[in-house]
Amino acid sequence: MSDNVLITPKKQDIEPIKRVAEDLAARPNSHRLVLMDDAQHDAVDLPTPLVHVLMEVANQLAQGHSVAILPDDKELTTQQAANLLQVSRPFLIKLLETGHIPYHTVGSHRRILLRDLMEYKQNRDRLRKDRIHQIVRLSESIGLYESEDFVEREP
């Protein structure tokens, strides 16, 4: 399968995928998969990273989202990277030129490794979350916020 293929669930597949996602979530430490057809049943032991991938893919598909699986050394164009970060291409170029995200050139074109982009994104997201918590603590300390009013919600 090509790494450019998006896997999109059909409407009739969403409910069965939800059941699989719920089953995987109910048994996160289960690493045995049984494959069945009319002739035989085969049990396959799954490595932990594969179980995690299956759980995440099932969760995303169950929500009706399309999924693409890419290797972490996949080279992205500046537009693809900007789209993944949900920023403009000129803003991404500034991040590259200021050294916030490593890149290399192929001819005259910049390329970003997916792993480098995701590392930047995780750091950015962690920093944002930390800053939100600082603002909440400051707001609480000056009486603008009651601590029980703040409920963190995961995206």
C-alpha atoms as a PDB file:
ATOM      1  CA  MET A   1       0.000   0.000   0.000  1.00  0.00           C
ATOM      2  CA  SER A   2       1.290   3.447  -0.868  1.00  0.00           C
ATOM      3  CA  ASP A   3       2.027   5.866   1.958  1.00  0.00           C
ATOM      4  CA  ASN A   4      -0.085   8.493   0.186  1.00  0.00           C
ATOM      5  CA  VAL A   5      -3.323   6.544   0.561  1.00  0.00           C
ATOM      6  CA  LEU A   6      -5.936   7.884   2.918  1.00  0.00           C
ATOM      7  CA  ILE A   7      -8.102   5.232   4.551  1.00  0.00           C
ATOM      8  CA  THR A   8     -11.645   6.552   4.816  1.00  0.00           C
ATOM      9  CA  PRO A   9     -14.402   4.564   6.524  1.00  0.00           C
ATOM     10  CA  LYS A  10     -17.666   3.991   4.709  1.00  0.00           C
ATOM     11  CA  LYS A  11     -20.794   4.894   6.675  1.00  0.00           C
ATOM     12  CA  GLN A  12     -21.840   1.245   6.985  1.00  0.00           C
ATOM     13  CA  ASP A  13     -18.398   0.395   8.453  1.00  0.00           C
ATOM     14  CA  ILE A  14     -18.436   2.945  11.281  1.00  0.00           C
ATOM     15  CA  GLU A  15     -20.607   0.953  13.735  1.00  0.00           C
ATOM     16  CA  PRO A  16     -18.590  -2.291  13.369  1.00  0.00           C
ATOM     17  CA  ILE A  17     -15.375  -0.257  13.706  1.00  0.00           C
ATOM     18  CA  LYS A  18     -16.764   1.355  16.892  1.00  0.00           C
ATOM     19  CA  ARG A  19     -17.333  -2.129  18.341  1.00  0.00           C
ATOM     20  CA  VAL A  20     -13.754  -3.121  17.484  1.00  0.00           C
ATOM     21  CA  ALA A  21     -12.410   0.118  19.007  1.00  0.00           C
ATOM     22  CA  GLU A  22     -14.420  -0.506  22.191  1.00  0.00           C
ATOM     23  CA  ASP A  23     -13.207  -4.102  22.333  1.00  0.00           C
ATOM     24  CA  LEU A  24      -9.581  -3.005  21.935  1.00  0.00           C
ATOM     25  CA  ALA A  25     -10.011  -0.314  24.591  1.00  0.00           C
ATOM     26  CA  ALA A  26     -11.546  -2.844  26.992  1.00  0.00           C
ATOM     27  CA  ARG A  27      -8.486  -5.091  26.647  1.00  0.00           C
ATOM     28  CA  PRO A  28      -5.493  -2.781  26.048  1.00  0.00           C
ATOM     29  CA  ASN A  29      -3.001  -5.382  27.232  1.00  0.00           C
ATOM     30  CA  SER A  30      -4.296  -8.120  24.978  1.00  0.00           C
ATOM     31  CA  HIS A  31      -1.719  -8.942  22.331  1.00  0.00           C
ATOM     32  CA  ARG A  32      -3.379 -11.918  20.706  1.00  0.00           C
ATOM     33  CA  LEU A  33      -5.471 -11.604  17.585  1.00  0.00           C
ATOM     34  CA  VAL A  34      -7.540 -14.455  16.195  1.00  0.00           C
ATOM     35  CA  LEU A  35      -7.949 -14.539  12.440  1.00  0.00           C
ATOM     36  CA  MET A  36     -10.843 -16.661  11.243  1.00  0.00           C
ATOM     37  CA  ASP A  37     -12.107 -17.868   7.941  1.00  0.00           C
ATOM     38  CA  ASP A  38     -14.319 -20.824   6.997  1.00  0.00           C
ATOM     39  CA  ALA A  39     -11.390 -23.245   6.950  1.00  0.00           C
ATOM     40  CA  GLN A  40      -9.332 -22.344  10.013  1.00  0.00           C
ATOM     41  CA  HIS A  41      -8.673 -20.122  13.012  1.00  0.00           C
ATOM     42  CA  ASP A  42      -5.180 -18.726  13.492  1.00  0.00           C
ATOM     43  CA  ALA A  43      -3.999 -16.909  16.601  1.00  0.00           C
ATOM     44  CA  VAL A  44      -1.339 -14.271  16.063  1.00  0.00           C
ATOM     45  CA  ASP A  45       0.686 -12.587  18.818  1.00  0.00           C
ATOM     46  CA  LEU A  46       0.942  -8.842  18.242  1.00  0.00           C
ATOM     47  CA  PRO A  47       3.838  -6.645  19.377  1.00  0.00           C
ATOM     48  CA  THR A  48       2.800  -3.789  21.683  1.00  0.00           C
ATOM     49  CA  PRO A  49       3.489  -1.018  19.113  1.00  0.00           C
ATOM     50  CA  LEU A  50       1.139  -2.715  16.649  1.00  0.00           C
ATOM     51  CA  VAL A  51      -1.591  -2.965  19.289  1.00  0.00           C
ATOM     52  CA  HIS A  52      -1.229   0.793  19.926  1.00  0.00           C
ATOM     53  CA  VAL A  53      -1.464   1.547  16.198  1.00  0.00           C
ATOM     54  CA  LEU A  54      -4.555  -0.625  15.818  1.00  0.00           C
ATOM     55  CA  MET A  55      -6.202   1.061  18.795  1.00  0.00           C
ATOM     56  CA  GLU A  56      -5.524   4.559  17.463  1.00  0.00           C
ATOM     57  CA  VAL A  57      -6.589   3.703  13.914  1.00  0.00           C
ATOM     58  CA  ALA A  58      -9.794   2.061  15.170  1.00  0.00           C
ATOM     59  CA  ASN A  59     -10.585   5.100  17.348  1.00  0.00           C
ATOM     60  CA  GLN A  60     -10.080   7.537  14.486  1.00  0.00           C
ATOM     61  CA  LEU A  61     -12.040   5.479  11.953  1.00  0.00           C
ATOM     62  CA  ALA A  62     -14.845   4.954  14.499  1.00  0.00           C
ATOM     63  CA  GLN A  63     -15.217   8.751  14.643  1.00  0.00           C
ATOM     64  CA  GLY A  64     -15.516   8.846  10.856  1.00  0.00           C
ATOM     65  CA  HIS A  65     -12.041  10.365  10.370  1.00  0.00           C
ATOM     66  CA  SER A  66      -9.797   9.373   7.503  1.00  0.00           C
ATOM     67  CA  VAL A  67      -6.426   7.908   8.459  1.00  0.00           C
ATOM     68  CA  ALA A  68      -3.039   7.780   6.764  1.00  0.00           C
ATOM     69  CA  ILE A  69      -0.129   5.806   8.112  1.00  0.00           C
ATOM     70  CA  LEU A  70       3.235   7.331   7.295  1.00  0.00           C
ATOM     71  CA  PRO A  71       6.761   6.328   8.260  1.00  0.00           C
ATOM     72  CA  ASP A  72       8.474   8.835  10.550  1.00  0.00           C
ATOM     73  CA  ASP A  73      11.214   9.386   7.976  1.00  0.00           C
ATOM     74  CA  LYS A  74       8.685  10.506   5.360  1.00  0.00           C
ATOM     75  CA  GLU A  75       9.816  13.739   3.730  1.00  0.00           C
ATOM     76  CA  LEU A  76       7.175  16.426   3.628  1.00  0.00           C
ATOM     77  CA  THR A  77       6.921  19.493   1.450  1.00  0.00           C
ATOM     78  CA  THR A  78       6.585  22.834   3.182  1.00  0.00           C
ATOM     79  CA  GLN A  79       2.883  22.939   2.252  1.00  0.00           C
ATOM     80  CA  GLN A  80       2.243  19.457   3.667  1.00  0.00           C
ATOM     81  CA  ALA A  81       4.059  20.400   6.885  1.00  0.00           C
ATOM     82  CA  ALA A  82       2.138  23.678   7.155  1.00  0.00           C
ATOM     83  CA  ASN A  83      -1.135  21.797   6.673  1.00  0.00           C
ATOM     84  CA  LEU A  84      -0.250  19.305   9.420  1.00  0.00           C
ATOM     85  CA  LEU A  85       0.563  22.130  11.842  1.00  0.00           C
ATOM     86  CA  GLN A  86      -2.476  24.111  10.657  1.00  0.00           C
ATOM     87  CA  VAL A  87      -0.366  27.181   9.980  1.00  0.00           C
ATOM     88  CA  SER A  88       0.338  29.180   6.846  1.00  0.00           C
ATOM     89  CA  ARG A  89       3.204  28.166   4.602  1.00  0.00           C
ATOM     90  CA  PRO A  90       4.998  31.524   5.138  1.00  0.00           C
ATOM     91  CA  PHE A  91       4.795  31.008   8.918  1.00  0.00           C
ATOM     92  CA  LEU A  92       6.233  27.500   8.539  1.00  0.00           C
ATOM     93  CA  ILE A  93       9.082  28.880   6.408  1.00  0.00           C
ATOM     94  CA  LYS A  94       9.916  31.298   9.273  1.00  0.00           C
ATOM     95  CA  LEU A  95      10.000  28.335  11.703  1.00  0.00           C
ATOM     96  CA  LEU A  96      12.411  26.537   9.372  1.00  0.00           C
ATOM     97  CA  GLU A  97      14.646  29.548   8.795  1.00  0.00           C
ATOM     98  CA  THR A  98      14.864  30.338  12.518  1.00  0.00           C
ATOM     99  CA  GLY A  99      15.886  26.765  13.298  1.00  0.00           C
ATOM    100  CA  HIS A 100      12.758  25.733  15.196  1.00  0.00           C
ATOM    101  CA  ILE A 101      12.249  22.790  12.833  1.00  0.00           C
ATOM    102  CA  PRO A 102      15.124  21.016  11.064  1.00  0.00           C
ATOM    103  CA  TYR A 103      14.938  20.657   7.287  1.00  0.00           C
ATOM    104  CA  HIS A 104      17.095  19.856   4.293  1.00  0.00           C
ATOM    105  CA  THR A 105      16.918  20.883   0.684  1.00  0.00           C
ATOM    106  CA  VAL A 106      16.314  18.781  -2.393  1.00  0.00           C
ATOM    107  CA  GLY A 107      17.404  20.976  -5.249  1.00  0.00           C
ATOM    108  CA  SER A 108      15.879  24.316  -4.312  1.00  0.00           C
ATOM    109  CA  HIS A 109      12.995  22.798  -2.320  1.00  0.00           C
ATOM    110  CA  ARG A 110      12.862  22.441   1.455  1.00  0.00           C
ATOM    111  CA  ARG A 111      11.928  19.037   2.896  1.00  0.00           C
ATOM    112  CA  ILE A 112      10.960  18.282   6.483  1.00  0.00           C
ATOM    113  CA  LEU A 113      11.064  14.846   8.084  1.00  0.00           C
ATOM    114  CA  LEU A 114       7.743  13.864   9.621  1.00  0.00           C
ATOM    115  CA  ARG A 115       9.489  12.875  12.888  1.00  0.00           C
ATOM    116  CA  ASP A 116      11.024  16.371  13.193  1.00  0.00           C
ATOM    117  CA  LEU A 117       7.700  18.050  12.483  1.00  0.00           C
ATOM    118  CA  MET A 118       5.876  15.873  15.023  1.00  0.00           C
ATOM    119  CA  GLU A 119       8.538  16.539  17.660  1.00  0.00           C
ATOM    120  CA  TYR A 120       8.090  20.280  17.130  1.00  0.00           C
ATOM    121  CA  LYS A 121       4.286  19.885  17.310  1.00  0.00           C
ATOM    122  CA  GLN A 122       4.435  17.871  20.551  1.00  0.00           C
ATOM    123  CA  ASN A 123       6.754  20.443  22.140  1.00  0.00           C
ATOM    124  CA  ARG A 124       4.537  23.299  20.935  1.00  0.00           C
ATOM    125  CA  ASP A 125       1.400  21.609  22.268  1.00  0.00           C
ATOM    126  CA  ARG A 126       3.045  20.850  25.635  1.00  0.00           C
ATOM    127  CA  LEU A 127       4.211  24.483  25.929  1.00  0.00           C
ATOM    128  CA  ARG A 128       0.703  25.755  25.117  1.00  0.00           C
ATOM    129  CA  LYS A 129      -0.825  23.487  27.754  1.00  0.00           C
ATOM    130  CA  ASP A 130       1.736  24.618  30.345  1.00  0.00           C
ATOM    131  CA  ARG A 131       0.996  28.274  29.573  1.00  0.00           C
ATOM    132  CA  ILE A 132      -2.749  27.714  29.901  1.00  0.00           C
ATOM    133  CA  HIS A 133      -2.193  26.144  33.321  1.00  0.00           C
ATOM    134  CA  GLN A 134      -0.028  29.136  34.335  1.00  0.00           C
ATOM    135  CA  ILE A 135      -2.795  31.533  33.287  1.00  0.00           C
ATOM    136  CA  VAL A 136      -5.374  29.529  35.239  1.00  0.00           C
ATOM    137  CA  ARG A 137      -3.161  29.486  38.361  1.00  0.00           C
ATOM    138  CA  LEU A 138      -2.569  33.239  38.061  1.00  0.00           C
ATOM    139  CA  SER A 139      -6.295  33.871  37.555  1.00  0.00           C
ATOM    140  CA  GLU A 140      -7.085  31.745  40.616  1.00  0.00           C
ATOM    141  CA  SER A 141      -4.489  33.571  42.720  1.00  0.00           C
ATOM    142  CA  ILE A 142      -6.098  36.959  42.029  1.00  0.00           C
ATOM    143  CA  GLY A 143      -9.620  35.621  42.482  1.00  0.00           C
ATOM    144  CA  LEU A 144     -10.798  35.620  38.870  1.00  0.00           C
ATOM    145  CA  TYR A 145     -11.212  31.872  38.751  1.00  0.00           C
ATOM    146  CA  GLU A 146     -12.530  29.282  41.147  1.00  0.00           C
ATOM    147  CA  SER A 147     -10.377  26.150  40.789  1.00  0.00           C
ATOM    148  CA  GLU A 148     -13.377  23.800  40.611  1.00  0.00           C
ATOM    149  CA  ASP A 149     -14.750  25.827  37.687  1.00  0.00           C
ATOM    150  CA  PHE A 150     -11.754  24.860  35.561  1.00  0.00           C
ATOM    151  CA  VAL A 151     -12.220  21.482  33.988  1.00  0.00           C
ATOM    152  CA  GLU A 152      -9.572  20.374  31.538  1.00  0.00           C
ATOM    153  CA  ARG A 153     -10.963  18.759  28.426  1.00  0.00           C
ATOM    154  CA  GLU A 154      -8.873  16.626  26.108  1.00  0.00           C
ATOM    155  CA  PRO A 155      -9.325  17.421  22.401  1.00  0.00           C
END
